[in-house]
Amino acid sequence: MKKEVSKEGISKKKKVNLNQLKLLKVSNKETYVRRQMGE
């Protein structure tokens, strides 16, 4: 039981990390574009 729960928790954490990475990439792209526009 504990192993199953920990596996689910890990997969959830991985999903959250992936979402955070996607958000970071998007925000980085936006700041990059803004810099290009500023110059």
C-alpha atoms as a PDB file:
ATOM      1  CA  MET A   1       0.000   0.000   0.000  1.00  0.00           C
ATOM      2  CA  LYS A   2       2.695   2.490   1.001  1.00  0.00           C
ATOM      3  CA  LYS A   3       4.682   1.813  -2.174  1.00  0.00           C
ATOM      4  CA  GLU A   4       1.633   2.456  -4.361  1.00  0.00           C
ATOM      5  CA  VAL A   5       0.861   5.712  -2.571  1.00  0.00           C
ATOM      6  CA  SER A   6       4.468   6.909  -2.844  1.00  0.00           C
ATOM      7  CA  LYS A   7       4.505   6.059  -6.560  1.00  0.00           C
ATOM      8  CA  GLU A   8       1.360   8.127  -7.092  1.00  0.00           C
ATOM      9  CA  GLY A   9       2.855  10.988  -5.086  1.00  0.00           C
ATOM     10  CA  ILE A  10       6.045  10.875  -7.155  1.00  0.00           C
ATOM     11  CA  SER A  11       4.127  10.878 -10.453  1.00  0.00           C
ATOM     12  CA  LYS A  12       2.059  13.836  -9.232  1.00  0.00           C
ATOM     13  CA  LYS A  13       5.238  15.680  -8.262  1.00  0.00           C
ATOM     14  CA  LYS A  14       6.729  14.929 -11.688  1.00  0.00           C
ATOM     15  CA  LYS A  15       3.630  16.332 -13.389  1.00  0.00           C
ATOM     16  CA  VAL A  16       3.838  19.476 -11.261  1.00  0.00           C
ATOM     17  CA  ASN A  17       7.538  19.859 -12.086  1.00  0.00           C
ATOM     18  CA  LEU A  18       6.806  19.456 -15.811  1.00  0.00           C
ATOM     19  CA  ASN A  19       4.068  22.089 -15.604  1.00  0.00           C
ATOM     20  CA  GLN A  20       6.440  24.445 -13.785  1.00  0.00           C
ATOM     21  CA  LEU A  21       9.108  23.872 -16.444  1.00  0.00           C
ATOM     22  CA  LYS A  22       6.581  24.621 -19.198  1.00  0.00           C
ATOM     23  CA  LEU A  23       5.555  27.827 -17.421  1.00  0.00           C
ATOM     24  CA  LEU A  24       9.218  28.800 -17.012  1.00  0.00           C
ATOM     25  CA  LYS A  25       9.913  28.212 -20.712  1.00  0.00           C
ATOM     26  CA  VAL A  26       6.869  30.266 -21.697  1.00  0.00           C
ATOM     27  CA  SER A  27       7.772  33.140 -19.366  1.00  0.00           C
ATOM     28  CA  ASN A  28      11.391  33.031 -20.601  1.00  0.00           C
ATOM     29  CA  LYS A  29      10.180  33.240 -24.195  1.00  0.00           C
ATOM     30  CA  GLU A  30       7.956  36.211 -23.322  1.00  0.00           C
ATOM     31  CA  THR A  31      10.798  38.093 -21.611  1.00  0.00           C
ATOM     32  CA  TYR A  32      13.113  37.262 -24.538  1.00  0.00           C
ATOM     33  CA  VAL A  33      10.567  38.594 -27.061  1.00  0.00           C
ATOM     34  CA  ARG A  34      10.047  41.724 -24.961  1.00  0.00           C
ATOM     35  CA  ARG A  35      13.815  42.332 -24.887  1.00  0.00           C
ATOM     36  CA  GLN A  36      13.968  41.944 -28.681  1.00  0.00           C
ATOM     37  CA  MET A  37      11.085  44.406 -29.069  1.00  0.00           C
ATOM     38  CA  GLY A  38      12.738  46.822 -26.637  1.00  0.00           C
ATOM     39  CA  GLU A  39      15.957  46.802 -28.677  1.00  0.00           C
END
